[in-house]
Amino acid sequence: MSSVYYAHSKLTYNTKLEADDLALLRSICGKVIDPNKDLGEQKGIQPYLDAVKSCNTLVLRCYQFPFIGKGAFCEVCWALAYGKLCKTFNESGQLVSLFGVVLNDGKD
């Protein structure tokens, strides 16, 4: 069975959007790693990157379309570097392929 890592901003943790996304992803894929519930607050990014590496697919949710935070940016870059399938929710809420990200602000 394939597994999905749900990359999303801490600003969307514990929201209806997060719950809806997780319900959808679980209905499609089954196993979903949610860093909010499954990993919690960690010291540094490496535990999250290890979780990304263990999955087949990364699904990204922008916190303010088309922007993502630094953590999600690192997770997407890691997934792409390891040849993982990457998807993102577009403005209409549909899952579409993701082939890259662009750094706009190195501080966030």
N, C-alpha and C. Protein backbone atom coordinates (compact mmCIF):
# COMPACT_ATOMS: atom_id res chain seq x y z
N MET A 1 0.85 -1.19 0.00
CA MET A 1 0.00 0.00 0.00
C MET A 1 0.89 1.24 0.00
N SER A 2 0.49 2.23 -0.76
CA SER A 2 1.28 3.46 -0.79
C SER A 2 0.96 4.31 0.43
N SER A 3 1.91 5.14 0.78
CA SER A 3 1.71 6.04 1.91
C SER A 3 1.96 7.47 1.45
N VAL A 4 1.29 8.39 2.11
CA VAL A 4 1.33 9.80 1.74
C VAL A 4 1.79 10.62 2.94
N TYR A 5 2.67 11.58 2.67
CA TYR A 5 3.06 12.56 3.67
C TYR A 5 2.29 13.84 3.36
N TYR A 6 1.57 14.35 4.33
CA TYR A 6 0.75 15.55 4.16
C TYR A 6 1.54 16.76 4.65
N ALA A 7 2.15 17.49 3.73
CA ALA A 7 2.94 18.68 4.05
C ALA A 7 2.02 19.90 4.10
N HIS A 8 1.99 20.55 5.25
CA HIS A 8 1.14 21.72 5.40
C HIS A 8 1.68 22.61 6.51
N SER A 9 1.26 23.85 6.47
CA SER A 9 1.72 24.85 7.42
C SER A 9 1.15 24.61 8.81
N LYS A 10 1.93 24.96 9.81
CA LYS A 10 1.43 24.91 11.18
C LYS A 10 0.24 25.85 11.36
N LEU A 11 0.11 26.83 10.48
CA LEU A 11 -1.02 27.75 10.57
C LEU A 11 -2.35 27.05 10.25
N THR A 12 -2.28 25.87 9.61
CA THR A 12 -3.50 25.13 9.31
C THR A 12 -3.69 23.92 10.23
N TYR A 13 -2.79 23.73 11.19
CA TYR A 13 -2.94 22.63 12.15
C TYR A 13 -4.24 22.80 12.93
N ASN A 14 -4.92 21.69 13.15
CA ASN A 14 -6.15 21.64 13.97
C ASN A 14 -7.27 22.52 13.43
N THR A 15 -7.34 22.64 12.11
CA THR A 15 -8.42 23.40 11.48
C THR A 15 -9.33 22.44 10.71
N LYS A 16 -10.47 22.95 10.29
CA LYS A 16 -11.38 22.16 9.46
C LYS A 16 -10.71 21.81 8.14
N LEU A 17 -9.93 22.71 7.60
CA LEU A 17 -9.23 22.44 6.34
C LEU A 17 -8.32 21.24 6.50
N GLU A 18 -7.55 21.19 7.57
CA GLU A 18 -6.66 20.05 7.82
C GLU A 18 -7.48 18.76 7.93
N ALA A 19 -8.56 18.79 8.69
CA ALA A 19 -9.40 17.60 8.88
C ALA A 19 -10.00 17.14 7.56
N ASP A 20 -10.47 18.08 6.76
CA ASP A 20 -11.05 17.73 5.45
C ASP A 20 -10.00 17.13 4.53
N ASP A 21 -8.83 17.74 4.48
CA ASP A 21 -7.74 17.22 3.64
C ASP A 21 -7.37 15.80 4.06
N LEU A 22 -7.22 15.58 5.34
CA LEU A 22 -6.83 14.26 5.84
C LEU A 22 -7.89 13.21 5.53
N ALA A 23 -9.16 13.57 5.68
CA ALA A 23 -10.24 12.64 5.36
C ALA A 23 -10.20 12.25 3.88
N LEU A 24 -9.99 13.24 3.03
CA LEU A 24 -9.91 12.97 1.59
C LEU A 24 -8.72 12.08 1.28
N LEU A 25 -7.56 12.44 1.79
CA LEU A 25 -6.35 11.67 1.50
C LEU A 25 -6.46 10.24 2.02
N ARG A 26 -7.04 10.07 3.19
CA ARG A 26 -7.20 8.71 3.73
C ARG A 26 -8.18 7.90 2.90
N SER A 27 -9.20 8.56 2.34
CA SER A 27 -10.16 7.83 1.50
C SER A 27 -9.53 7.39 0.18
N ILE A 28 -8.54 8.14 -0.28
CA ILE A 28 -7.87 7.82 -1.54
C ILE A 28 -6.71 6.85 -1.32
N CYS A 29 -5.91 7.10 -0.31
CA CYS A 29 -4.63 6.41 -0.15
C CYS A 29 -4.57 5.43 1.02
N GLY A 30 -5.37 5.65 2.00
CA GLY A 30 -5.26 4.81 3.19
C GLY A 30 -4.31 5.41 4.21
N LYS A 31 -3.03 5.08 4.10
CA LYS A 31 -2.05 5.54 5.09
C LYS A 31 -1.56 6.95 4.77
N VAL A 32 -1.76 7.85 5.74
CA VAL A 32 -1.32 9.23 5.60
C VAL A 32 -0.51 9.59 6.84
N ILE A 33 0.68 10.13 6.63
CA ILE A 33 1.46 10.65 7.75
C ILE A 33 1.15 12.14 7.86
N ASP A 34 0.59 12.50 9.00
CA ASP A 34 0.26 13.88 9.32
C ASP A 34 1.28 14.36 10.36
N PRO A 35 2.19 15.26 9.96
CA PRO A 35 3.22 15.69 10.91
C PRO A 35 2.63 16.30 12.19
N ASN A 36 1.48 16.90 12.11
CA ASN A 36 0.84 17.50 13.28
C ASN A 36 0.51 16.43 14.32
N LYS A 37 -0.17 15.39 13.92
CA LYS A 37 -0.62 14.36 14.86
C LYS A 37 0.38 13.22 15.02
N ASP A 38 1.05 12.85 13.94
CA ASP A 38 1.91 11.66 13.97
C ASP A 38 3.33 11.95 14.45
N LEU A 39 3.82 13.16 14.26
CA LEU A 39 5.19 13.48 14.65
C LEU A 39 5.26 14.50 15.78
N GLY A 40 4.29 15.40 15.83
CA GLY A 40 4.30 16.43 16.87
C GLY A 40 5.47 17.40 16.69
N GLU A 41 5.71 18.18 17.71
CA GLU A 41 6.79 19.17 17.67
C GLU A 41 8.13 18.47 17.87
N GLN A 42 9.03 18.63 16.92
CA GLN A 42 10.35 18.00 16.96
C GLN A 42 11.42 19.08 17.04
N LYS A 43 12.60 18.67 17.47
CA LYS A 43 13.74 19.59 17.46
C LYS A 43 14.41 19.46 16.10
N GLY A 44 14.24 20.43 15.26
CA GLY A 44 14.83 20.40 13.93
C GLY A 44 13.92 19.73 12.91
N ILE A 45 14.32 19.82 11.66
CA ILE A 45 13.48 19.35 10.56
C ILE A 45 13.74 17.89 10.18
N GLN A 46 14.86 17.32 10.61
CA GLN A 46 15.24 16.00 10.13
C GLN A 46 14.19 14.91 10.36
N PRO A 47 13.51 14.85 11.51
CA PRO A 47 12.48 13.81 11.68
C PRO A 47 11.37 13.91 10.62
N TYR A 48 11.02 15.13 10.23
CA TYR A 48 10.00 15.32 9.21
C TYR A 48 10.52 14.86 7.85
N LEU A 49 11.77 15.19 7.55
CA LEU A 49 12.36 14.77 6.28
C LEU A 49 12.48 13.25 6.20
N ASP A 50 12.80 12.61 7.31
CA ASP A 50 12.86 11.15 7.35
C ASP A 50 11.48 10.56 7.06
N ALA A 51 10.44 11.19 7.60
CA ALA A 51 9.07 10.71 7.34
C ALA A 51 8.71 10.89 5.87
N VAL A 52 9.11 12.01 5.28
CA VAL A 52 8.88 12.23 3.84
C VAL A 52 9.55 11.13 3.03
N LYS A 53 10.78 10.83 3.39
CA LYS A 53 11.55 9.82 2.66
C LYS A 53 10.90 8.44 2.76
N SER A 54 10.21 8.16 3.85
CA SER A 54 9.59 6.85 4.04
C SER A 54 8.30 6.68 3.25
N CYS A 55 7.77 7.75 2.68
CA CYS A 55 6.50 7.70 1.95
C CYS A 55 6.72 7.60 0.44
N ASN A 56 5.67 7.18 -0.25
CA ASN A 56 5.70 7.13 -1.70
C ASN A 56 5.37 8.48 -2.33
N THR A 57 4.51 9.23 -1.64
CA THR A 57 3.94 10.46 -2.21
C THR A 57 3.93 11.56 -1.16
N LEU A 58 4.13 12.78 -1.61
CA LEU A 58 3.94 13.96 -0.76
C LEU A 58 2.78 14.75 -1.33
N VAL A 59 1.87 15.16 -0.45
CA VAL A 59 0.77 16.04 -0.86
C VAL A 59 0.93 17.34 -0.07
N LEU A 60 0.95 18.43 -0.79
CA LEU A 60 1.17 19.76 -0.21
C LEU A 60 -0.10 20.57 -0.17
N ARG A 61 -0.30 21.26 0.94
CA ARG A 61 -1.39 22.24 1.05
C ARG A 61 -0.74 23.59 1.31
N CYS A 62 -0.94 24.54 0.39
CA CYS A 62 -0.45 25.91 0.59
C CYS A 62 -1.26 26.55 1.71
N TYR A 63 -0.60 27.39 2.50
CA TYR A 63 -1.36 28.06 3.56
C TYR A 63 -2.00 29.33 3.05
N GLN A 64 -1.43 29.91 2.02
CA GLN A 64 -2.02 31.09 1.36
C GLN A 64 -1.58 30.97 -0.10
N PHE A 65 -2.46 30.41 -0.92
CA PHE A 65 -2.10 30.05 -2.29
C PHE A 65 -1.44 31.22 -3.02
N PRO A 66 -0.30 31.03 -3.63
CA PRO A 66 0.48 29.80 -3.80
C PRO A 66 1.66 29.68 -2.84
N PHE A 67 1.58 30.28 -1.67
CA PHE A 67 2.72 30.33 -0.76
C PHE A 67 2.70 29.20 0.26
N ILE A 68 3.91 28.76 0.63
CA ILE A 68 4.10 27.74 1.67
C ILE A 68 5.18 28.25 2.61
N GLY A 69 5.23 27.68 3.79
CA GLY A 69 6.24 28.06 4.77
C GLY A 69 7.55 27.33 4.54
N LYS A 70 8.52 27.69 5.34
CA LYS A 70 9.87 27.14 5.20
C LYS A 70 9.91 25.62 5.41
N GLY A 71 9.18 25.14 6.41
CA GLY A 71 9.17 23.70 6.67
C GLY A 71 8.60 22.91 5.52
N ALA A 72 7.45 23.32 5.02
CA ALA A 72 6.83 22.63 3.87
C ALA A 72 7.73 22.74 2.64
N PHE A 73 8.39 23.88 2.48
CA PHE A 73 9.32 24.06 1.36
C PHE A 73 10.44 23.01 1.43
N CYS A 74 11.02 22.84 2.60
CA CYS A 74 12.09 21.84 2.78
C CYS A 74 11.57 20.43 2.52
N GLU A 75 10.36 20.15 2.99
CA GLU A 75 9.78 18.82 2.78
C GLU A 75 9.56 18.54 1.30
N VAL A 76 9.06 19.52 0.57
CA VAL A 76 8.85 19.34 -0.88
C VAL A 76 10.18 19.16 -1.60
N CYS A 77 11.16 19.98 -1.27
CA CYS A 77 12.48 19.85 -1.91
C CYS A 77 13.07 18.46 -1.66
N TRP A 78 12.93 17.97 -0.44
CA TRP A 78 13.44 16.65 -0.06
C TRP A 78 12.72 15.56 -0.87
N ALA A 79 11.40 15.67 -0.94
CA ALA A 79 10.62 14.68 -1.69
C ALA A 79 11.02 14.66 -3.17
N LEU A 80 11.17 15.84 -3.74
CA LEU A 80 11.57 15.92 -5.15
C LEU A 80 12.98 15.35 -5.36
N ALA A 81 13.88 15.63 -4.43
CA ALA A 81 15.25 15.13 -4.53
C ALA A 81 15.30 13.61 -4.48
N TYR A 82 14.35 12.99 -3.77
CA TYR A 82 14.30 11.54 -3.67
C TYR A 82 13.36 10.91 -4.69
N GLY A 83 12.91 11.71 -5.65
CA GLY A 83 12.08 11.17 -6.73
C GLY A 83 10.68 10.75 -6.32
N LYS A 84 10.18 11.33 -5.24
CA LYS A 84 8.83 11.01 -4.77
C LYS A 84 7.80 11.69 -5.65
N LEU A 85 6.66 11.06 -5.80
CA LEU A 85 5.53 11.68 -6.48
C LEU A 85 5.04 12.83 -5.59
N CYS A 86 4.87 14.01 -6.16
CA CYS A 86 4.40 15.17 -5.40
C CYS A 86 3.14 15.72 -6.03
N LYS A 87 2.18 16.01 -5.16
CA LYS A 87 0.91 16.61 -5.58
C LYS A 87 0.64 17.82 -4.69
N THR A 88 -0.21 18.69 -5.17
CA THR A 88 -0.64 19.83 -4.37
C THR A 88 -2.10 20.12 -4.64
N PHE A 89 -2.74 20.73 -3.68
CA PHE A 89 -4.11 21.19 -3.89
C PHE A 89 -4.04 22.51 -4.64
N ASN A 90 -4.77 22.61 -5.77
CA ASN A 90 -4.82 23.88 -6.48
C ASN A 90 -5.86 24.79 -5.84
N GLU A 91 -6.07 25.95 -6.43
CA GLU A 91 -7.02 26.92 -5.85
C GLU A 91 -8.44 26.39 -5.78
N SER A 92 -8.76 25.42 -6.64
CA SER A 92 -10.10 24.82 -6.64
C SER A 92 -10.22 23.63 -5.70
N GLY A 93 -9.12 23.29 -5.05
CA GLY A 93 -9.14 22.16 -4.13
C GLY A 93 -8.89 20.81 -4.78
N GLN A 94 -8.52 20.82 -6.05
CA GLN A 94 -8.22 19.58 -6.76
C GLN A 94 -6.74 19.24 -6.59
N LEU A 95 -6.43 17.95 -6.56
CA LEU A 95 -5.04 17.53 -6.49
C LEU A 95 -4.43 17.54 -7.89
N VAL A 96 -3.30 18.23 -8.01
CA VAL A 96 -2.59 18.32 -9.28
C VAL A 96 -1.11 18.01 -9.04
N SER A 97 -0.43 17.63 -10.09
CA SER A 97 1.00 17.30 -9.97
C SER A 97 1.81 18.53 -9.61
N LEU A 98 2.86 18.30 -8.84
CA LEU A 98 3.78 19.35 -8.41
C LEU A 98 5.18 18.93 -8.84
N PHE A 99 5.84 19.79 -9.61
CA PHE A 99 7.15 19.45 -10.16
C PHE A 99 8.28 20.28 -9.58
N GLY A 100 7.97 21.29 -8.80
CA GLY A 100 9.01 22.13 -8.22
C GLY A 100 8.41 23.25 -7.40
N VAL A 101 9.28 23.92 -6.65
CA VAL A 101 8.91 25.08 -5.84
C VAL A 101 9.99 26.13 -6.02
N VAL A 102 9.63 27.37 -5.74
CA VAL A 102 10.55 28.49 -5.89
C VAL A 102 10.67 29.20 -4.54
N LEU A 103 11.90 29.50 -4.14
CA LEU A 103 12.14 30.20 -2.90
C LEU A 103 11.97 31.70 -3.12
N ASN A 104 11.02 32.29 -2.41
CA ASN A 104 10.79 33.74 -2.51
C ASN A 104 11.37 34.50 -1.34
N ASP A 105 11.41 33.88 -0.16
CA ASP A 105 11.89 34.54 1.05
C ASP A 105 12.61 33.50 1.90
N GLY A 106 13.93 33.57 1.95
CA GLY A 106 14.73 32.61 2.69
C GLY A 106 14.51 32.61 4.18
N LYS A 107 13.86 33.66 4.71
CA LYS A 107 13.59 33.76 6.14
C LYS A 107 12.30 33.05 6.53
N ASP A 108 11.42 32.79 5.56
CA ASP A 108 10.16 32.10 5.86
C ASP A 108 9.85 31.17 4.72
